[in-house]
Amino acid sequence: ATVLVAGTIAVITPYFLKGYQRQRLLVFLDPKHDPQGAGWSLIQSKIAVGSGQLAGKGLYHGTQTQLGFVPEHATDFIFAVIGEELGFLGAMLLLGLYAVLLGAGALAVTAARDKYGVLVVVGIIAMFAFHILINVGMTVGIMPVTGIPLPFISYGGSSLITSFMAGGVLLNIH
């Protein structure tokens, strides 16, 4: 019965999506479907991350990002910049710092004095984890391209302010 429901949803869903949403899903499944259009960002992002290799090309020396091949490289595809310029080691360092942040959030769950505090902390941890997973996933091509920012890293005031406020709430509850 579960397979039948999942199959029905998979067949019906495309009829409720807008054109650009359908295009993003098609490009996610096959970036070469539209390499000059909707697939451009994903293809260039994968090239940038792969060209960083182990230690990267050096800060501000990434060819894909500095020459403008990766669109929105300061916001949506910032992880591609990190992967290209700082390499695998820099990307793993950033993910390690995010793991520390999420671990500290988990400690705040145990320090919360009431159920409301626990729920707020879990919500903030989930928000950070979701943003990190989606942004990194879309940059390396394992998730569809969306406009989710990378917390504390992506350029933009509202994301940064929200991340700092959420961090302050975590510290206050802890």
N, C-alpha and C. Protein backbone atom coordinates (compact mmCIF):
# COMPACT_ATOMS: atom_id res chain seq x y z
N ALA A 1 0.83 -1.19 0.00
CA ALA A 1 0.00 0.00 0.00
C ALA A 1 0.88 1.26 0.00
N THR A 2 2.00 1.23 0.72
CA THR A 2 2.89 2.38 0.79
C THR A 2 3.51 2.67 -0.57
N VAL A 3 3.88 1.62 -1.29
CA VAL A 3 4.48 1.79 -2.61
C VAL A 3 3.45 2.38 -3.57
N LEU A 4 2.22 1.97 -3.44
CA LEU A 4 1.15 2.50 -4.30
C LEU A 4 0.94 4.00 -4.05
N VAL A 5 0.94 4.40 -2.79
CA VAL A 5 0.78 5.81 -2.44
C VAL A 5 1.96 6.63 -2.96
N ALA A 6 3.18 6.13 -2.75
CA ALA A 6 4.38 6.83 -3.21
C ALA A 6 4.38 6.94 -4.73
N GLY A 7 3.99 5.91 -5.42
CA GLY A 7 3.92 5.94 -6.88
C GLY A 7 2.89 6.93 -7.38
N THR A 8 1.74 6.96 -6.73
CA THR A 8 0.69 7.91 -7.11
C THR A 8 1.15 9.35 -6.92
N ILE A 9 1.81 9.62 -5.79
CA ILE A 9 2.32 10.96 -5.53
C ILE A 9 3.37 11.34 -6.57
N ALA A 10 4.25 10.42 -6.92
CA ALA A 10 5.30 10.69 -7.90
C ALA A 10 4.71 11.01 -9.27
N VAL A 11 3.60 10.38 -9.63
CA VAL A 11 2.99 10.61 -10.93
C VAL A 11 2.20 11.92 -10.94
N ILE A 12 1.53 12.25 -9.85
CA ILE A 12 0.66 13.42 -9.79
C ILE A 12 1.43 14.71 -9.55
N THR A 13 2.51 14.66 -8.78
CA THR A 13 3.24 15.87 -8.37
C THR A 13 3.65 16.79 -9.52
N PRO A 14 4.18 16.28 -10.64
CA PRO A 14 4.60 17.21 -11.71
C PRO A 14 3.48 18.12 -12.22
N TYR A 15 2.24 17.71 -12.10
CA TYR A 15 1.14 18.54 -12.59
C TYR A 15 0.87 19.73 -11.68
N PHE A 16 1.37 19.69 -10.44
CA PHE A 16 1.17 20.79 -9.50
C PHE A 16 2.37 21.72 -9.42
N LEU A 17 3.44 21.40 -10.12
CA LEU A 17 4.64 22.22 -10.10
C LEU A 17 4.58 23.28 -11.19
N LYS A 18 5.20 24.41 -10.91
CA LYS A 18 5.32 25.46 -11.92
C LYS A 18 6.43 25.07 -12.89
N GLY A 19 6.51 25.76 -14.00
CA GLY A 19 7.47 25.42 -15.05
C GLY A 19 8.91 25.42 -14.57
N TYR A 20 9.30 26.46 -13.83
CA TYR A 20 10.69 26.53 -13.38
C TYR A 20 10.99 25.45 -12.34
N GLN A 21 9.99 25.06 -11.55
CA GLN A 21 10.20 23.99 -10.58
C GLN A 21 10.41 22.65 -11.29
N ARG A 22 9.61 22.40 -12.32
CA ARG A 22 9.77 21.19 -13.11
C ARG A 22 11.15 21.17 -13.78
N GLN A 23 11.57 22.33 -14.28
CA GLN A 23 12.88 22.45 -14.94
C GLN A 23 14.01 22.14 -13.96
N ARG A 24 13.91 22.65 -12.73
CA ARG A 24 14.95 22.39 -11.72
C ARG A 24 15.04 20.91 -11.40
N LEU A 25 13.89 20.23 -11.31
CA LEU A 25 13.92 18.79 -11.04
C LEU A 25 14.52 18.02 -12.21
N LEU A 26 14.18 18.41 -13.43
CA LEU A 26 14.76 17.75 -14.60
C LEU A 26 16.28 17.95 -14.65
N VAL A 27 16.72 19.15 -14.34
CA VAL A 27 18.16 19.44 -14.34
C VAL A 27 18.85 18.68 -13.22
N PHE A 28 18.19 18.54 -12.07
CA PHE A 28 18.76 17.75 -10.98
C PHE A 28 18.97 16.31 -11.42
N LEU A 29 18.00 15.75 -12.12
CA LEU A 29 18.11 14.36 -12.57
C LEU A 29 19.14 14.22 -13.69
N ASP A 30 19.24 15.23 -14.57
CA ASP A 30 20.20 15.19 -15.66
C ASP A 30 20.65 16.62 -15.99
N PRO A 31 21.79 17.07 -15.42
CA PRO A 31 22.25 18.44 -15.66
C PRO A 31 22.51 18.76 -17.13
N LYS A 32 22.79 17.75 -17.92
CA LYS A 32 23.06 17.96 -19.34
C LYS A 32 21.78 18.15 -20.14
N HIS A 33 20.62 18.07 -19.46
CA HIS A 33 19.33 18.30 -20.09
C HIS A 33 19.26 19.72 -20.67
N ASP A 34 19.82 20.69 -19.95
CA ASP A 34 19.85 22.08 -20.38
C ASP A 34 21.18 22.70 -19.93
N PRO A 35 22.30 22.30 -20.55
CA PRO A 35 23.62 22.75 -20.06
C PRO A 35 23.89 24.24 -20.21
N GLN A 36 23.23 24.90 -21.14
CA GLN A 36 23.45 26.33 -21.33
C GLN A 36 22.46 27.17 -20.53
N GLY A 37 21.43 26.54 -19.97
CA GLY A 37 20.40 27.27 -19.23
C GLY A 37 20.37 26.87 -17.76
N ALA A 38 19.33 26.14 -17.40
CA ALA A 38 19.11 25.80 -15.99
C ALA A 38 20.20 24.88 -15.43
N GLY A 39 20.84 24.08 -16.26
CA GLY A 39 21.88 23.17 -15.78
C GLY A 39 23.25 23.81 -15.62
N TRP A 40 23.41 25.04 -16.13
CA TRP A 40 24.70 25.72 -16.10
C TRP A 40 25.27 25.83 -14.69
N SER A 41 24.47 26.30 -13.75
CA SER A 41 24.94 26.52 -12.38
C SER A 41 25.47 25.23 -11.76
N LEU A 42 24.69 24.18 -11.90
CA LEU A 42 25.08 22.90 -11.30
C LEU A 42 26.34 22.33 -11.93
N ILE A 43 26.43 22.39 -13.24
CA ILE A 43 27.61 21.86 -13.93
C ILE A 43 28.86 22.63 -13.52
N GLN A 44 28.78 23.95 -13.52
CA GLN A 44 29.93 24.77 -13.16
C GLN A 44 30.31 24.60 -11.69
N SER A 45 29.31 24.42 -10.84
CA SER A 45 29.58 24.20 -9.43
C SER A 45 30.35 22.90 -9.20
N LYS A 46 29.93 21.86 -9.89
CA LYS A 46 30.62 20.57 -9.76
C LYS A 46 32.06 20.66 -10.28
N ILE A 47 32.24 21.39 -11.37
CA ILE A 47 33.59 21.59 -11.91
C ILE A 47 34.45 22.33 -10.90
N ALA A 48 33.89 23.38 -10.29
CA ALA A 48 34.63 24.17 -9.31
C ALA A 48 35.04 23.34 -8.11
N VAL A 49 34.10 22.58 -7.56
CA VAL A 49 34.41 21.75 -6.38
C VAL A 49 35.46 20.71 -6.73
N GLY A 50 35.32 20.08 -7.88
CA GLY A 50 36.27 19.05 -8.29
C GLY A 50 37.65 19.60 -8.59
N SER A 51 37.72 20.82 -9.12
CA SER A 51 39.02 21.37 -9.49
C SER A 51 39.81 21.84 -8.27
N GLY A 52 39.16 21.94 -7.12
CA GLY A 52 39.87 22.33 -5.89
C GLY A 52 40.79 21.26 -5.38
N GLN A 53 40.52 20.01 -5.74
CA GLN A 53 41.29 18.84 -5.31
C GLN A 53 41.51 18.83 -3.80
N LEU A 54 42.69 18.48 -3.33
CA LEU A 54 42.92 18.30 -1.89
C LEU A 54 43.11 19.62 -1.16
N ALA A 55 43.98 20.47 -1.63
CA ALA A 55 44.32 21.68 -0.90
C ALA A 55 43.77 22.96 -1.53
N GLY A 56 43.13 22.87 -2.68
CA GLY A 56 42.54 24.04 -3.30
C GLY A 56 43.52 24.83 -4.14
N LYS A 57 43.01 25.83 -4.82
CA LYS A 57 43.81 26.68 -5.70
C LYS A 57 44.34 27.91 -4.98
N GLY A 58 43.91 28.13 -3.77
CA GLY A 58 44.34 29.30 -3.02
C GLY A 58 43.21 30.34 -2.97
N LEU A 59 43.20 31.10 -1.90
CA LEU A 59 42.17 32.10 -1.71
C LEU A 59 42.20 33.12 -2.84
N TYR A 60 41.06 33.35 -3.45
CA TYR A 60 40.87 34.26 -4.58
C TYR A 60 41.60 33.82 -5.85
N HIS A 61 41.95 32.55 -5.95
CA HIS A 61 42.60 32.05 -7.16
C HIS A 61 41.78 30.98 -7.87
N GLY A 62 40.52 30.82 -7.47
CA GLY A 62 39.65 29.85 -8.13
C GLY A 62 39.20 30.35 -9.49
N THR A 63 39.53 29.62 -10.52
CA THR A 63 39.22 30.08 -11.87
C THR A 63 37.72 30.07 -12.16
N GLN A 64 37.03 29.03 -11.77
CA GLN A 64 35.59 28.93 -12.05
C GLN A 64 34.81 30.05 -11.36
N THR A 65 35.15 30.32 -10.12
CA THR A 65 34.38 31.31 -9.37
C THR A 65 34.83 32.74 -9.66
N GLN A 66 36.12 32.97 -9.73
CA GLN A 66 36.61 34.33 -9.94
C GLN A 66 36.34 34.84 -11.34
N LEU A 67 36.26 33.96 -12.32
CA LEU A 67 35.97 34.36 -13.69
C LEU A 67 34.48 34.39 -13.99
N GLY A 68 33.65 34.10 -12.99
CA GLY A 68 32.21 34.23 -13.14
C GLY A 68 31.49 33.06 -13.78
N PHE A 69 32.15 31.91 -13.86
CA PHE A 69 31.47 30.74 -14.42
C PHE A 69 30.41 30.19 -13.47
N VAL A 70 30.65 30.30 -12.18
CA VAL A 70 29.68 29.85 -11.18
C VAL A 70 28.82 31.07 -10.81
N PRO A 71 27.55 31.06 -11.24
CA PRO A 71 26.69 32.20 -10.89
C PRO A 71 26.32 32.17 -9.41
N GLU A 72 26.02 33.31 -8.86
CA GLU A 72 25.63 33.43 -7.45
C GLU A 72 26.66 32.79 -6.53
N HIS A 73 27.95 32.98 -6.83
CA HIS A 73 28.99 32.32 -6.06
C HIS A 73 29.18 32.93 -4.68
N ALA A 74 28.64 34.09 -4.41
CA ALA A 74 28.76 34.68 -3.08
C ALA A 74 27.58 34.31 -2.18
N THR A 75 26.54 33.76 -2.77
CA THR A 75 25.35 33.44 -1.98
C THR A 75 25.02 31.95 -2.06
N ASP A 76 24.30 31.55 -3.09
CA ASP A 76 23.81 30.18 -3.19
C ASP A 76 24.92 29.14 -3.36
N PHE A 77 25.96 29.47 -4.11
CA PHE A 77 27.01 28.49 -4.41
C PHE A 77 28.31 28.82 -3.69
N ILE A 78 28.23 29.34 -2.49
CA ILE A 78 29.43 29.70 -1.73
C ILE A 78 30.27 28.46 -1.38
N PHE A 79 29.63 27.32 -1.20
CA PHE A 79 30.38 26.11 -0.90
C PHE A 79 31.24 25.68 -2.08
N ALA A 80 30.81 26.00 -3.31
CA ALA A 80 31.64 25.72 -4.49
C ALA A 80 32.91 26.55 -4.45
N VAL A 81 32.79 27.79 -3.99
CA VAL A 81 33.96 28.66 -3.86
C VAL A 81 34.92 28.07 -2.83
N ILE A 82 34.39 27.64 -1.71
CA ILE A 82 35.23 27.04 -0.65
C ILE A 82 35.90 25.77 -1.17
N GLY A 83 35.14 24.94 -1.86
CA GLY A 83 35.69 23.70 -2.41
C GLY A 83 36.78 23.95 -3.43
N GLU A 84 36.62 24.99 -4.24
CA GLU A 84 37.62 25.27 -5.27
C GLU A 84 38.85 25.96 -4.70
N GLU A 85 38.64 26.95 -3.85
CA GLU A 85 39.77 27.74 -3.37
C GLU A 85 40.48 27.14 -2.16
N LEU A 86 39.76 26.42 -1.32
CA LEU A 86 40.38 25.81 -0.14
C LEU A 86 40.48 24.29 -0.24
N GLY A 87 39.88 23.72 -1.27
CA GLY A 87 39.98 22.30 -1.53
C GLY A 87 39.18 21.45 -0.57
N PHE A 88 39.45 20.15 -0.67
CA PHE A 88 38.76 19.17 0.17
C PHE A 88 39.03 19.43 1.65
N LEU A 89 40.26 19.78 1.97
CA LEU A 89 40.61 20.02 3.37
C LEU A 89 39.85 21.22 3.94
N GLY A 90 39.74 22.30 3.19
CA GLY A 90 38.99 23.47 3.64
C GLY A 90 37.51 23.18 3.79
N ALA A 91 36.96 22.41 2.83
CA ALA A 91 35.55 22.05 2.90
C ALA A 91 35.28 21.17 4.12
N MET A 92 36.19 20.22 4.38
CA MET A 92 36.01 19.35 5.54
C MET A 92 36.18 20.13 6.85
N LEU A 93 37.07 21.11 6.85
CA LEU A 93 37.22 21.96 8.04
C LEU A 93 35.92 22.72 8.31
N LEU A 94 35.32 23.28 7.26
CA LEU A 94 34.05 24.00 7.43
C LEU A 94 32.96 23.06 7.92
N LEU A 95 32.87 21.87 7.34
CA LEU A 95 31.85 20.91 7.79
C LEU A 95 32.12 20.45 9.22
N GLY A 96 33.40 20.36 9.60
CA GLY A 96 33.75 20.04 10.98
C GLY A 96 33.31 21.13 11.94
N LEU A 97 33.47 22.38 11.54
CA LEU A 97 33.01 23.50 12.38
C LEU A 97 31.49 23.48 12.51
N TYR A 98 30.81 23.13 11.42
CA TYR A 98 29.35 22.99 11.52
C TYR A 98 28.97 21.84 12.45
N ALA A 99 29.75 20.76 12.43
CA ALA A 99 29.49 19.65 13.34
C ALA A 99 29.66 20.08 14.79
N VAL A 100 30.65 20.92 15.05
CA VAL A 100 30.84 21.46 16.40
C VAL A 100 29.64 22.32 16.79
N LEU A 101 29.17 23.15 15.87
CA LEU A 101 28.00 23.99 16.13
C LEU A 101 26.77 23.14 16.46
N LEU A 102 26.54 22.12 15.66
CA LEU A 102 25.38 21.24 15.90
C LEU A 102 25.56 20.44 17.19
N GLY A 103 26.79 20.04 17.49
CA GLY A 103 27.05 19.34 18.75
C GLY A 103 26.82 20.23 19.95
N ALA A 104 27.23 21.49 19.84
CA ALA A 104 26.97 22.44 20.93
C ALA A 104 25.48 22.66 21.10
N GLY A 105 24.76 22.66 19.99
CA GLY A 105 23.30 22.76 20.07
C GLY A 105 22.70 21.57 20.77
N ALA A 106 23.27 20.39 20.52
CA ALA A 106 22.78 19.19 21.21
C ALA A 106 23.03 19.28 22.71
N LEU A 107 24.14 19.89 23.10
CA LEU A 107 24.40 20.10 24.53
C LEU A 107 23.39 21.09 25.13
N ALA A 108 22.97 22.05 24.33
CA ALA A 108 21.97 23.00 24.80
C ALA A 108 20.63 22.31 25.04
N VAL A 109 20.35 21.25 24.31
CA VAL A 109 19.11 20.48 24.54
C VAL A 109 19.12 19.90 25.94
N THR A 110 20.27 19.36 26.34
CA THR A 110 20.34 18.75 27.68
C THR A 110 20.33 19.80 28.78
N ALA A 111 20.74 21.03 28.47
CA ALA A 111 20.78 22.08 29.47
C ALA A 111 19.46 22.85 29.59
N ALA A 112 18.56 22.64 28.63
CA ALA A 112 17.28 23.37 28.67
C ALA A 112 16.49 22.98 29.91
N ARG A 113 15.84 23.97 30.52
CA ARG A 113 15.14 23.75 31.79
C ARG A 113 13.69 23.31 31.62
N ASP A 114 13.12 23.55 30.46
CA ASP A 114 11.72 23.17 30.26
C ASP A 114 11.51 22.64 28.85
N LYS A 115 10.31 22.14 28.61
CA LYS A 115 10.00 21.53 27.32
C LYS A 115 10.06 22.57 26.19
N TYR A 116 9.62 23.79 26.46
CA TYR A 116 9.65 24.84 25.46
C TYR A 116 11.10 25.11 25.02
N GLY A 117 12.02 25.19 25.95
CA GLY A 117 13.42 25.41 25.63
C GLY A 117 13.98 24.28 24.77
N VAL A 118 13.60 23.05 25.10
CA VAL A 118 14.05 21.90 24.32
C VAL A 118 13.54 22.01 22.88
N LEU A 119 12.27 22.36 22.74
CA LEU A 119 11.69 22.47 21.40
C LEU A 119 12.32 23.60 20.59
N VAL A 120 12.61 24.72 21.23
CA VAL A 120 13.26 25.82 20.53
C VAL A 120 14.66 25.42 20.06
N VAL A 121 15.42 24.78 20.93
CA VAL A 121 16.78 24.36 20.58
C VAL A 121 16.75 23.33 19.46
N VAL A 122 15.85 22.37 19.54
CA VAL A 122 15.75 21.36 18.49
C VAL A 122 15.37 22.01 17.17
N GLY A 123 14.48 22.99 17.22
CA GLY A 123 14.11 23.71 16.00
C GLY A 123 15.27 24.46 15.39
N ILE A 124 16.06 25.11 16.23
CA ILE A 124 17.22 25.86 15.72
C ILE A 124 18.26 24.91 15.15
N ILE A 125 18.51 23.81 15.83
CA ILE A 125 19.46 22.81 15.32
C ILE A 125 18.97 22.26 13.98
N ALA A 126 17.68 21.98 13.90
CA ALA A 126 17.10 21.46 12.65
C ALA A 126 17.24 22.48 11.53
N MET A 127 17.03 23.76 11.85
CA MET A 127 17.17 24.81 10.83
C MET A 127 18.60 24.86 10.30
N PHE A 128 19.57 24.88 11.20
CA PHE A 128 20.97 24.90 10.78
C PHE A 128 21.32 23.65 9.96
N ALA A 129 20.93 22.48 10.47
CA ALA A 129 21.25 21.23 9.78
C ALA A 129 20.61 21.19 8.39
N PHE A 130 19.37 21.64 8.29
CA PHE A 130 18.67 21.66 7.01
C PHE A 130 19.37 22.59 6.02
N HIS A 131 19.72 23.78 6.46
CA HIS A 131 20.39 24.73 5.58
C HIS A 131 21.74 24.19 5.11
N ILE A 132 22.49 23.60 6.02
CA ILE A 132 23.81 23.05 5.67
C ILE A 132 23.65 21.90 4.68
N LEU A 133 22.76 20.97 4.98
CA LEU A 133 22.55 19.80 4.13
C LEU A 133 22.09 20.20 2.73
N ILE A 134 21.12 21.08 2.65
CA ILE A 134 20.58 21.47 1.35
C ILE A 134 21.62 22.25 0.55
N ASN A 135 22.29 23.23 1.17
CA ASN A 135 23.24 24.05 0.42
C ASN A 135 24.42 23.22 -0.07
N VAL A 136 25.01 22.44 0.80
CA VAL A 136 26.16 21.61 0.38
C VAL A 136 25.70 20.57 -0.64
N GLY A 137 24.54 19.98 -0.40
CA GLY A 137 24.02 18.96 -1.31
C GLY A 137 23.77 19.50 -2.70
N MET A 138 23.20 20.71 -2.79
CA MET A 138 22.93 21.26 -4.13
C MET A 138 24.22 21.67 -4.83
N THR A 139 25.21 22.09 -4.05
CA THR A 139 26.48 22.51 -4.64
C THR A 139 27.22 21.34 -5.28
N VAL A 140 27.15 20.17 -4.65
CA VAL A 140 27.87 19.01 -5.20
C VAL A 140 26.97 18.13 -6.06
N GLY A 141 25.70 18.52 -6.23
CA GLY A 141 24.83 17.84 -7.18
C GLY A 141 24.03 16.68 -6.65
N ILE A 142 23.91 16.52 -5.33
CA ILE A 142 23.10 15.42 -4.81
C ILE A 142 21.71 15.87 -4.37
N MET A 143 21.42 17.17 -4.53
CA MET A 143 20.10 17.72 -4.23
C MET A 143 19.76 18.76 -5.28
N PRO A 144 18.47 19.01 -5.50
CA PRO A 144 18.09 20.04 -6.47
C PRO A 144 18.57 21.44 -6.06
N VAL A 145 18.80 22.29 -7.04
CA VAL A 145 19.26 23.65 -6.79
C VAL A 145 18.12 24.47 -6.19
N THR A 146 18.40 25.07 -5.04
CA THR A 146 17.45 25.96 -4.37
C THR A 146 18.22 27.21 -3.92
N GLY A 147 17.54 28.12 -3.33
CA GLY A 147 18.18 29.34 -2.88
C GLY A 147 18.44 29.36 -1.39
N ILE A 148 18.76 28.22 -0.81
CA ILE A 148 19.00 28.13 0.64
C ILE A 148 20.43 28.60 0.94
N PRO A 149 20.60 29.57 1.86
CA PRO A 149 21.95 30.06 2.18
C PRO A 149 22.71 29.12 3.12
N LEU A 150 24.02 29.22 3.10
CA LEU A 150 24.87 28.48 4.01
C LEU A 150 25.06 29.34 5.26
N PRO A 151 24.62 28.87 6.43
CA PRO A 151 24.64 29.72 7.64
C PRO A 151 26.03 30.29 7.94
N PHE A 152 26.06 31.57 8.28
CA PHE A 152 27.25 32.33 8.65
C PHE A 152 28.24 32.55 7.51
N ILE A 153 28.01 31.97 6.33
CA ILE A 153 28.98 32.04 5.23
C ILE A 153 28.42 32.81 4.04
N SER A 154 27.19 32.50 3.63
CA SER A 154 26.61 33.14 2.45
C SER A 154 26.48 34.64 2.64
N TYR A 155 26.72 35.35 1.58
CA TYR A 155 26.59 36.80 1.58
C TYR A 155 25.11 37.16 1.67
N GLY A 156 24.79 38.08 2.53
CA GLY A 156 23.41 38.53 2.66
C GLY A 156 23.10 38.83 4.11
N GLY A 157 22.49 39.96 4.34
CA GLY A 157 22.25 40.41 5.71
C GLY A 157 21.21 39.62 6.46
N SER A 158 20.09 39.29 5.82
CA SER A 158 19.01 38.65 6.56
C SER A 158 19.40 37.25 7.05
N SER A 159 20.13 36.51 6.23
CA SER A 159 20.57 35.18 6.65
C SER A 159 21.56 35.28 7.81
N LEU A 160 22.48 36.21 7.71
CA LEU A 160 23.48 36.37 8.76
C LEU A 160 22.84 36.81 10.08
N ILE A 161 21.94 37.77 10.00
CA ILE A 161 21.25 38.24 11.22
C ILE A 161 20.44 37.11 11.84
N THR A 162 19.73 36.36 11.02
CA THR A 162 18.94 35.24 11.53
C THR A 162 19.82 34.19 12.18
N SER A 163 20.96 33.88 11.56
CA SER A 163 21.88 32.89 12.12
C SER A 163 22.45 33.36 13.45
N PHE A 164 22.83 34.63 13.53
CA PHE A 164 23.36 35.16 14.79
C PHE A 164 22.29 35.18 15.89
N MET A 165 21.08 35.54 15.51
CA MET A 165 20.00 35.55 16.50
C MET A 165 19.72 34.13 17.00
N ALA A 166 19.70 33.17 16.08
CA ALA A 166 19.47 31.78 16.48
C ALA A 166 20.61 31.29 17.39
N GLY A 167 21.85 31.67 17.06
CA GLY A 167 22.97 31.32 17.92
C GLY A 167 22.86 31.95 19.30
N GLY A 168 22.40 33.19 19.34
CA GLY A 168 22.20 33.85 20.63
C GLY A 168 21.13 33.17 21.46
N VAL A 169 20.06 32.74 20.83
CA VAL A 169 19.02 32.01 21.56
C VAL A 169 19.57 30.69 22.09
N LEU A 170 20.38 30.01 21.28
CA LEU A 170 21.01 28.75 21.73
C LEU A 170 21.88 29.02 22.97
N LEU A 171 22.69 30.06 22.91
CA LEU A 171 23.56 30.38 24.04
C LEU A 171 22.73 30.74 25.27
N ASN A 172 21.66 31.48 25.09
CA ASN A 172 20.81 31.87 26.21
C ASN A 172 20.15 30.66 26.86
N ILE A 173 19.67 29.74 26.06
CA ILE A 173 19.03 28.54 26.62
C ILE A 173 20.05 27.66 27.30
N HIS A 174 21.27 27.60 26.74
CA HIS A 174 22.30 26.77 27.36
C HIS A 174 22.73 27.37 28.69
